[in-house]
């Protein structure tokens, strides 16, 4: 199993291991399985970081949901936390356990309602392989000081790899990261609105955030708006932004 030591290139090793677990599953279907789990691991890790911080503070209450909102973290119920899910990875009921976790998270976080994938319990999904994927993703960020940054890198890398594996389907195109970087550099989005009418997985917005940080700008000086016509891609877009802590208004539609 791939071990994450935080060095450059570990994303590729992780991808190759995950791709082996894919077996005969179509890449378009498999990406939602993997990316949904990476997102779940991300919000659980961030929740745990805030939880530990609150436990160390004299007058803080680690069970107060408002404390997590103040830290820009999602509230994760006990049976949706990664440690609980990974402890059940070998059980044949792991699919239902993950679906239930997604439901619990959506119920407690309004901004995530209708976004998270909830079809891990379908009969066609091999539960043994699903458990192996859970264990694999459990290695991400385990040895890094900031596991959220690592998970963000993995999510972004996997998005690109899945796009390459799928190719062009149904008129959908994946814009290479290098081209998006050039577009953002030309736009120089320091202030005002950033709008992408066919935003896909929100790569333009992620690169805009990176550009602003690299040039010592202020993220509060821009407002992000987007539109995506594909419902499943729209969900991936919102999860991608949530992993980055980017506030945006992304609509599902085709104008």
C-alpha atoms as a PDB file:
ATOM      1  CA  UNK A   1       0.000   0.000   0.000  1.00  0.00           C
ATOM      2  CA  UNK A   2       1.227   3.490  -0.806  1.00  0.00           C
ATOM      3  CA  UNK A   3       2.710   5.381   2.108  1.00  0.00           C
ATOM      4  CA  UNK A   4       2.421   9.159   2.187  1.00  0.00           C
ATOM      5  CA  UNK A   5       5.577  10.943   3.258  1.00  0.00           C
ATOM      6  CA  UNK A   6       4.506  14.332   1.921  1.00  0.00           C
ATOM      7  CA  UNK A   7       7.158  14.409  -0.812  1.00  0.00           C
ATOM      8  CA  UNK A   8       6.583  15.466  -4.408  1.00  0.00           C
ATOM      9  CA  UNK A   9       5.297  12.565  -6.467  1.00  0.00           C
ATOM     10  CA  UNK A  10       3.454  10.690  -3.749  1.00  0.00           C
ATOM     11  CA  UNK A  11       0.166  11.688  -5.431  1.00  0.00           C
ATOM     12  CA  UNK A  12       1.154   9.596  -8.456  1.00  0.00           C
ATOM     13  CA  UNK A  13       1.994   6.567  -6.300  1.00  0.00           C
ATOM     14  CA  UNK A  14      -1.331   6.944  -4.529  1.00  0.00           C
ATOM     15  CA  UNK A  15      -3.137   7.230  -7.863  1.00  0.00           C
ATOM     16  CA  UNK A  16      -1.531   4.064  -9.229  1.00  0.00           C
ATOM     17  CA  UNK A  17      -2.584   2.113  -6.140  1.00  0.00           C
ATOM     18  CA  UNK A  18      -6.131   3.490  -6.312  1.00  0.00           C
ATOM     19  CA  UNK A  19      -6.305   2.723 -10.033  1.00  0.00           C
ATOM     20  CA  UNK A  20      -5.430  -0.924  -9.376  1.00  0.00           C
ATOM     21  CA  UNK A  21      -8.354  -1.131  -6.958  1.00  0.00           C
ATOM     22  CA  UNK A  22     -10.636   0.217  -9.690  1.00  0.00           C
ATOM     23  CA  UNK A  23     -10.458  -3.151 -11.463  1.00  0.00           C
ATOM     24  CA  UNK A  24     -13.141  -3.121 -14.191  1.00  0.00           C
ATOM     25  CA  UNK A  25     -15.131  -0.150 -12.891  1.00  0.00           C
ATOM     26  CA  UNK A  26     -15.573   2.695 -15.370  1.00  0.00           C
ATOM     27  CA  UNK A  27     -13.435   5.741 -14.526  1.00  0.00           C
ATOM     28  CA  UNK A  28     -16.471   8.041 -14.731  1.00  0.00           C
ATOM     29  CA  UNK A  29     -18.145   6.023 -11.977  1.00  0.00           C
ATOM     30  CA  UNK A  30     -15.038   5.303  -9.916  1.00  0.00           C
ATOM     31  CA  UNK A  31     -14.061   8.956  -9.565  1.00  0.00           C
ATOM     32  CA  UNK A  32     -17.157   9.685  -7.487  1.00  0.00           C
ATOM     33  CA  UNK A  33     -16.313   6.785  -5.174  1.00  0.00           C
ATOM     34  CA  UNK A  34     -12.749   7.971  -4.573  1.00  0.00           C
ATOM     35  CA  UNK A  35     -13.248  11.742  -4.558  1.00  0.00           C
ATOM     36  CA  UNK A  36     -16.205  11.463  -2.190  1.00  0.00           C
ATOM     37  CA  UNK A  37     -14.048   9.504   0.258  1.00  0.00           C
ATOM     38  CA  UNK A  38     -11.167  11.988  -0.026  1.00  0.00           C
ATOM     39  CA  UNK A  39     -13.610  14.774   0.789  1.00  0.00           C
ATOM     40  CA  UNK A  40     -14.936  12.833   3.773  1.00  0.00           C
ATOM     41  CA  UNK A  41     -11.380  12.296   5.037  1.00  0.00           C
ATOM     42  CA  UNK A  42     -10.615  15.984   4.574  1.00  0.00           C
ATOM     43  CA  UNK A  43     -13.526  17.369   6.584  1.00  0.00           C
ATOM     44  CA  UNK A  44     -12.974  14.744   9.283  1.00  0.00           C
ATOM     45  CA  UNK A  45      -9.280  15.648   9.618  1.00  0.00           C
ATOM     46  CA  UNK A  46     -10.076  19.342   9.869  1.00  0.00           C
ATOM     47  CA  UNK A  47     -12.802  18.632  12.421  1.00  0.00           C
ATOM     48  CA  UNK A  48     -10.323  16.619  14.507  1.00  0.00           C
ATOM     49  CA  UNK A  49      -7.762  19.434  14.407  1.00  0.00           C
ATOM     50  CA  UNK A  50     -10.318  21.912  15.750  1.00  0.00           C
ATOM     51  CA  UNK A  51     -11.589  19.361  18.285  1.00  0.00           C
ATOM     52  CA  UNK A  52      -8.094  18.846  19.720  1.00  0.00           C
ATOM     53  CA  UNK A  53      -7.515  22.595  19.839  1.00  0.00           C
ATOM     54  CA  UNK A  54     -10.772  23.171  21.726  1.00  0.00           C
ATOM     55  CA  UNK A  55      -9.984  20.394  24.184  1.00  0.00           C
ATOM     56  CA  UNK A  56      -6.764  22.172  25.113  1.00  0.00           C
ATOM     57  CA  UNK A  57      -8.515  25.503  25.778  1.00  0.00           C
ATOM     58  CA  UNK A  58      -9.841  26.038  29.286  1.00  0.00           C
ATOM     59  CA  UNK A  59     -13.222  27.606  28.518  1.00  0.00           C
ATOM     60  CA  UNK A  60     -13.902  26.093  25.091  1.00  0.00           C
ATOM     61  CA  UNK A  61     -16.536  23.438  24.431  1.00  0.00           C
ATOM     62  CA  UNK A  62     -15.480  20.870  21.790  1.00  0.00           C
ATOM     63  CA  UNK A  63     -19.132  19.831  21.377  1.00  0.00           C
ATOM     64  CA  UNK A  64     -20.303  23.356  20.458  1.00  0.00           C
ATOM     65  CA  UNK A  65     -20.960  23.465  16.705  1.00  0.00           C
ATOM     66  CA  UNK A  66     -20.529  27.250  16.604  1.00  0.00           C
ATOM     67  CA  UNK A  67     -16.883  26.787  17.584  1.00  0.00           C
ATOM     68  CA  UNK A  68     -16.294  24.845  14.360  1.00  0.00           C
ATOM     69  CA  UNK A  69     -18.076  27.386  12.180  1.00  0.00           C
ATOM     70  CA  UNK A  70     -15.818  30.060  13.666  1.00  0.00           C
ATOM     71  CA  UNK A  71     -12.819  27.997  12.510  1.00  0.00           C
ATOM     72  CA  UNK A  72     -14.295  27.476   9.014  1.00  0.00           C
ATOM     73  CA  UNK A  73     -14.710  23.760   9.717  1.00  0.00           C
ATOM     74  CA  UNK A  74     -17.687  21.494   9.110  1.00  0.00           C
ATOM     75  CA  UNK A  75     -19.368  19.761  12.033  1.00  0.00           C
ATOM     76  CA  UNK A  76     -18.848  15.996  11.683  1.00  0.00           C
ATOM     77  CA  UNK A  77     -21.076  13.699  13.803  1.00  0.00           C
ATOM     78  CA  UNK A  78     -19.354  10.816  15.603  1.00  0.00           C
ATOM     79  CA  UNK A  79     -20.545   8.106  13.199  1.00  0.00           C
ATOM     80  CA  UNK A  80     -19.328  10.131  10.207  1.00  0.00           C
ATOM     81  CA  UNK A  81     -15.778  10.685  11.449  1.00  0.00           C
ATOM     82  CA  UNK A  82     -13.000   8.975   9.560  1.00  0.00           C
ATOM     83  CA  UNK A  83     -11.727   6.947  12.512  1.00  0.00           C
ATOM     84  CA  UNK A  84     -15.171   5.375  12.898  1.00  0.00           C
ATOM     85  CA  UNK A  85     -15.531   4.667   9.175  1.00  0.00           C
ATOM     86  CA  UNK A  86     -12.058   3.178   8.796  1.00  0.00           C
ATOM     87  CA  UNK A  87     -12.664   0.935  11.811  1.00  0.00           C
ATOM     88  CA  UNK A  88     -15.566  -0.591   9.825  1.00  0.00           C
ATOM     89  CA  UNK A  89     -13.692  -0.868   6.504  1.00  0.00           C
ATOM     90  CA  UNK A  90     -13.571  -4.678   6.572  1.00  0.00           C
ATOM     91  CA  UNK A  91     -17.299  -5.097   7.206  1.00  0.00           C
ATOM     92  CA  UNK A  92     -19.674  -6.033   4.366  1.00  0.00           C
ATOM     93  CA  UNK A  93     -21.880  -3.127   5.521  1.00  0.00           C
ATOM     94  CA  UNK A  94     -19.185  -0.522   4.787  1.00  0.00           C
ATOM     95  CA  UNK A  95     -21.201   0.894   1.864  1.00  0.00           C
ATOM     96  CA  UNK A  96     -24.219   1.652   4.043  1.00  0.00           C
ATOM     97  CA  UNK A  97     -21.972   3.042   6.787  1.00  0.00           C
ATOM     98  CA  UNK A  98     -20.474   5.545   4.326  1.00  0.00           C
ATOM     99  CA  UNK A  99     -23.865   6.512   2.882  1.00  0.00           C
ATOM    100  CA  UNK A 100     -25.194   7.075   6.403  1.00  0.00           C
ATOM    101  CA  UNK A 101     -22.139   9.215   7.191  1.00  0.00           C
ATOM    102  CA  UNK A 102     -22.799  11.407   4.148  1.00  0.00           C
ATOM    103  CA  UNK A 103     -26.438  11.822   5.217  1.00  0.00           C
ATOM    104  CA  UNK A 104     -25.391  12.789   8.747  1.00  0.00           C
ATOM    105  CA  UNK A 105     -22.935  15.407   7.477  1.00  0.00           C
ATOM    106  CA  UNK A 106     -25.460  16.958   5.101  1.00  0.00           C
ATOM    107  CA  UNK A 107     -28.046  17.100   7.892  1.00  0.00           C
ATOM    108  CA  UNK A 108     -25.657  19.112  10.089  1.00  0.00           C
ATOM    109  CA  UNK A 109     -24.181  21.401   7.407  1.00  0.00           C
ATOM    110  CA  UNK A 110     -26.592  23.361   5.221  1.00  0.00           C
ATOM    111  CA  UNK A 111     -23.924  24.332   2.670  1.00  0.00           C
ATOM    112  CA  UNK A 112     -23.308  20.650   1.847  1.00  0.00           C
ATOM    113  CA  UNK A 113     -26.926  19.575   1.369  1.00  0.00           C
ATOM    114  CA  UNK A 114     -27.479  17.794  -1.932  1.00  0.00           C
ATOM    115  CA  UNK A 115     -23.766  17.811  -2.759  1.00  0.00           C
ATOM    116  CA  UNK A 116     -22.253  14.654  -1.251  1.00  0.00           C
ATOM    117  CA  UNK A 117     -22.334  11.278  -3.062  1.00  0.00           C
ATOM    118  CA  UNK A 118     -24.561   8.717  -1.368  1.00  0.00           C
ATOM    119  CA  UNK A 119     -24.501   5.556  -3.463  1.00  0.00           C
ATOM    120  CA  UNK A 120     -21.751   3.519  -1.815  1.00  0.00           C
ATOM    121  CA  UNK A 121     -24.201   0.797  -0.797  1.00  0.00           C
ATOM    122  CA  UNK A 122     -25.247  -0.092  -4.339  1.00  0.00           C
ATOM    123  CA  UNK A 123     -24.923  -3.841  -5.076  1.00  0.00           C
ATOM    124  CA  UNK A 124     -22.613  -3.292  -8.062  1.00  0.00           C
ATOM    125  CA  UNK A 125     -19.900  -1.755  -5.873  1.00  0.00           C
ATOM    126  CA  UNK A 126     -17.525  -4.426  -4.538  1.00  0.00           C
ATOM    127  CA  UNK A 127     -17.493  -3.870  -0.767  1.00  0.00           C
ATOM    128  CA  UNK A 128     -14.144  -5.603  -0.254  1.00  0.00           C
ATOM    129  CA  UNK A 129     -12.481  -3.234  -2.709  1.00  0.00           C
ATOM    130  CA  UNK A 130     -14.374  -0.310  -1.191  1.00  0.00           C
ATOM    131  CA  UNK A 131     -12.891  -1.178   2.197  1.00  0.00           C
ATOM    132  CA  UNK A 132      -9.423  -1.321   0.637  1.00  0.00           C
ATOM    133  CA  UNK A 133      -9.942   2.151  -0.857  1.00  0.00           C
ATOM    134  CA  UNK A 134     -10.984   3.437   2.584  1.00  0.00           C
ATOM    135  CA  UNK A 135      -7.763   2.036   4.068  1.00  0.00           C
ATOM    136  CA  UNK A 136      -5.715   3.572   1.243  1.00  0.00           C
ATOM    137  CA  UNK A 137      -7.217   7.034   1.678  1.00  0.00           C
ATOM    138  CA  UNK A 138      -6.666   6.663   5.407  1.00  0.00           C
ATOM    139  CA  UNK A 139      -2.913   6.966   4.726  1.00  0.00           C
ATOM    140  CA  UNK A 140      -3.243  10.453   3.191  1.00  0.00           C
ATOM    141  CA  UNK A 141      -1.881  13.204   5.372  1.00  0.00           C
ATOM    142  CA  UNK A 142      -1.125  10.916   8.287  1.00  0.00           C
ATOM    143  CA  UNK A 143       2.517  12.011   8.536  1.00  0.00           C
ATOM    144  CA  UNK A 144       2.065  15.647   7.508  1.00  0.00           C
ATOM    145  CA  UNK A 145       1.627  18.659   9.757  1.00  0.00           C
ATOM    146  CA  UNK A 146      -1.154  20.032   7.554  1.00  0.00           C
ATOM    147  CA  UNK A 147      -3.135  17.088   6.223  1.00  0.00           C
ATOM    148  CA  UNK A 148      -5.740  19.431   4.688  1.00  0.00           C
ATOM    149  CA  UNK A 149      -3.200  20.866   2.232  1.00  0.00           C
ATOM    150  CA  UNK A 150      -2.114  17.340   1.334  1.00  0.00           C
ATOM    151  CA  UNK A 151      -5.702  16.200   0.796  1.00  0.00           C
ATOM    152  CA  UNK A 152      -6.336  19.250  -1.381  1.00  0.00           C
ATOM    153  CA  UNK A 153      -3.344  18.327  -3.535  1.00  0.00           C
ATOM    154  CA  UNK A 154      -4.527  14.734  -3.841  1.00  0.00           C
ATOM    155  CA  UNK A 155      -8.084  15.783  -4.728  1.00  0.00           C
ATOM    156  CA  UNK A 156      -6.808  18.142  -7.433  1.00  0.00           C
ATOM    157  CA  UNK A 157      -4.376  15.553  -8.825  1.00  0.00           C
ATOM    158  CA  UNK A 158      -7.023  12.833  -8.921  1.00  0.00           C
ATOM    159  CA  UNK A 159      -9.464  15.140 -10.731  1.00  0.00           C
ATOM    160  CA  UNK A 160      -6.917  15.578 -13.508  1.00  0.00           C
ATOM    161  CA  UNK A 161      -6.087  11.876 -13.669  1.00  0.00           C
ATOM    162  CA  UNK A 162      -9.739  10.857 -13.861  1.00  0.00           C
ATOM    163  CA  UNK A 163     -10.302  13.384 -16.644  1.00  0.00           C
ATOM    164  CA  UNK A 164      -7.416  11.846 -18.589  1.00  0.00           C
ATOM    165  CA  UNK A 165      -8.760   8.331 -17.982  1.00  0.00           C
ATOM    166  CA  UNK A 166     -12.244   9.285 -19.164  1.00  0.00           C
ATOM    167  CA  UNK A 167     -11.227  11.357 -22.153  1.00  0.00           C
ATOM    168  CA  UNK A 168     -13.887  13.498 -23.836  1.00  0.00           C
ATOM    169  CA  UNK A 169     -17.403  12.205 -23.212  1.00  0.00           C
ATOM    170  CA  UNK A 170     -20.753  13.731 -24.057  1.00  0.00           C
ATOM    171  CA  UNK A 171     -19.193  17.000 -25.221  1.00  0.00           C
ATOM    172  CA  UNK A 172     -17.360  17.581 -21.935  1.00  0.00           C
ATOM    173  CA  UNK A 173     -13.757  18.746 -21.953  1.00  0.00           C
ATOM    174  CA  UNK A 174     -11.176  18.967 -19.187  1.00  0.00           C
ATOM    175  CA  UNK A 175      -9.035  22.104 -19.398  1.00  0.00           C
ATOM    176  CA  UNK A 176      -5.415  21.212 -18.529  1.00  0.00           C
ATOM    177  CA  UNK A 177      -4.062  22.861 -15.392  1.00  0.00           C
ATOM    178  CA  UNK A 178      -1.267  24.566 -17.338  1.00  0.00           C
ATOM    179  CA  UNK A 179      -3.782  26.389 -19.549  1.00  0.00           C
ATOM    180  CA  UNK A 180      -5.898  27.426 -16.564  1.00  0.00           C
ATOM    181  CA  UNK A 181      -2.778  28.864 -14.902  1.00  0.00           C
ATOM    182  CA  UNK A 182      -2.026  30.959 -17.999  1.00  0.00           C
ATOM    183  CA  UNK A 183      -5.610  32.247 -18.142  1.00  0.00           C
ATOM    184  CA  UNK A 184      -5.527  33.217 -14.471  1.00  0.00           C
ATOM    185  CA  UNK A 185      -2.162  34.939 -14.904  1.00  0.00           C
ATOM    186  CA  UNK A 186      -3.579  36.965 -17.803  1.00  0.00           C
ATOM    187  CA  UNK A 187      -6.716  37.893 -15.844  1.00  0.00           C
ATOM    188  CA  UNK A 188      -4.778  38.765 -12.661  1.00  0.00           C
ATOM    189  CA  UNK A 189      -7.877  38.418 -10.431  1.00  0.00           C
ATOM    190  CA  UNK A 190      -6.926  40.627  -7.483  1.00  0.00           C
ATOM    191  CA  UNK A 191     -10.287  42.381  -7.078  1.00  0.00           C
ATOM    192  CA  UNK A 192     -13.894  42.159  -8.225  1.00  0.00           C
ATOM    193  CA  UNK A 193     -15.838  39.182  -9.529  1.00  0.00           C
ATOM    194  CA  UNK A 194     -14.480  35.983 -11.005  1.00  0.00           C
ATOM    195  CA  UNK A 195     -17.080  34.214 -13.148  1.00  0.00           C
ATOM    196  CA  UNK A 196     -16.863  30.963 -15.090  1.00  0.00           C
ATOM    197  CA  UNK A 197     -20.055  30.056 -17.020  1.00  0.00           C
ATOM    198  CA  UNK A 198     -18.963  26.426 -17.497  1.00  0.00           C
ATOM    199  CA  UNK A 199     -16.810  25.941 -14.419  1.00  0.00           C
ATOM    200  CA  UNK A 200     -16.479  22.143 -14.435  1.00  0.00           C
ATOM    201  CA  UNK A 201     -14.714  21.098 -11.235  1.00  0.00           C
ATOM    202  CA  UNK A 202     -13.810  24.747 -10.414  1.00  0.00           C
ATOM    203  CA  UNK A 203     -10.180  24.591 -11.512  1.00  0.00           C
ATOM    204  CA  UNK A 204     -10.297  28.274 -12.511  1.00  0.00           C
ATOM    205  CA  UNK A 205     -11.322  29.282  -9.001  1.00  0.00           C
ATOM    206  CA  UNK A 206      -8.696  27.113  -7.305  1.00  0.00           C
ATOM    207  CA  UNK A 207      -5.967  28.602  -9.500  1.00  0.00           C
ATOM    208  CA  UNK A 208      -7.288  32.119  -8.820  1.00  0.00           C
ATOM    209  CA  UNK A 209      -6.944  31.476  -5.097  1.00  0.00           C
ATOM    210  CA  UNK A 210      -3.375  30.220  -5.573  1.00  0.00           C
ATOM    211  CA  UNK A 211      -2.494  33.259  -7.700  1.00  0.00           C
ATOM    212  CA  UNK A 212      -3.814  35.688  -5.091  1.00  0.00           C
ATOM    213  CA  UNK A 213      -1.923  33.959  -2.273  1.00  0.00           C
ATOM    214  CA  UNK A 214       1.296  33.833  -4.317  1.00  0.00           C
ATOM    215  CA  UNK A 215       1.089  37.596  -4.916  1.00  0.00           C
ATOM    216  CA  UNK A 216       0.173  38.500  -1.325  1.00  0.00           C
ATOM    217  CA  UNK A 217      -3.336  39.539  -2.292  1.00  0.00           C
ATOM    218  CA  UNK A 218      -6.527  39.299  -0.232  1.00  0.00           C
ATOM    219  CA  UNK A 219      -9.039  36.546  -0.945  1.00  0.00           C
ATOM    220  CA  UNK A 220     -11.771  38.742   0.527  1.00  0.00           C
ATOM    221  CA  UNK A 221     -11.297  41.173  -2.364  1.00  0.00           C
ATOM    222  CA  UNK A 222     -12.859  38.820  -4.915  1.00  0.00           C
ATOM    223  CA  UNK A 223     -16.291  37.222  -5.285  1.00  0.00           C
ATOM    224  CA  UNK A 224     -16.594  33.891  -7.084  1.00  0.00           C
ATOM    225  CA  UNK A 225     -19.527  32.917  -9.278  1.00  0.00           C
ATOM    226  CA  UNK A 226     -19.920  29.910 -11.520  1.00  0.00           C
ATOM    227  CA  UNK A 227     -22.305  27.694 -13.428  1.00  0.00           C
ATOM    228  CA  UNK A 228     -22.171  24.021 -14.353  1.00  0.00           C
ATOM    229  CA  UNK A 229     -24.771  22.100 -16.354  1.00  0.00           C
ATOM    230  CA  UNK A 230     -23.751  18.559 -15.342  1.00  0.00           C
ATOM    231  CA  UNK A 231     -25.219  17.652 -11.910  1.00  0.00           C
ATOM    232  CA  UNK A 232     -22.441  15.234 -10.931  1.00  0.00           C
ATOM    233  CA  UNK A 233     -19.699  17.651 -12.019  1.00  0.00           C
ATOM    234  CA  UNK A 234     -21.491  20.414 -10.104  1.00  0.00           C
ATOM    235  CA  UNK A 235     -21.204  18.297  -6.953  1.00  0.00           C
ATOM    236  CA  UNK A 236     -17.486  17.698  -7.556  1.00  0.00           C
ATOM    237  CA  UNK A 237     -17.036  21.431  -8.071  1.00  0.00           C
ATOM    238  CA  UNK A 238     -18.612  22.287  -4.739  1.00  0.00           C
ATOM    239  CA  UNK A 239     -16.588  19.640  -2.911  1.00  0.00           C
ATOM    240  CA  UNK A 240     -13.386  20.899  -4.541  1.00  0.00           C
ATOM    241  CA  UNK A 241     -14.079  24.435  -3.318  1.00  0.00           C
ATOM    242  CA  UNK A 242     -15.082  23.242   0.155  1.00  0.00           C
ATOM    243  CA  UNK A 243     -11.777  21.377   0.500  1.00  0.00           C
ATOM    244  CA  UNK A 244      -9.994  24.640  -0.282  1.00  0.00           C
ATOM    245  CA  UNK A 245     -12.188  26.703   2.032  1.00  0.00           C
ATOM    246  CA  UNK A 246     -13.236  28.861  -0.926  1.00  0.00           C
ATOM    247  CA  UNK A 247     -16.612  30.581  -0.642  1.00  0.00           C
ATOM    248  CA  UNK A 248     -18.452  30.686  -3.951  1.00  0.00           C
ATOM    249  CA  UNK A 249     -21.870  30.797  -5.557  1.00  0.00           C
ATOM    250  CA  UNK A 250     -21.989  27.914  -8.035  1.00  0.00           C
ATOM    251  CA  UNK A 251     -25.317  27.347  -9.754  1.00  0.00           C
ATOM    252  CA  UNK A 252     -26.529  24.203 -11.466  1.00  0.00           C
ATOM    253  CA  UNK A 253     -27.818  25.241 -14.876  1.00  0.00           C
ATOM    254  CA  UNK A 254     -27.176  25.942 -18.546  1.00  0.00           C
ATOM    255  CA  UNK A 255     -27.747  29.489 -19.703  1.00  0.00           C
END
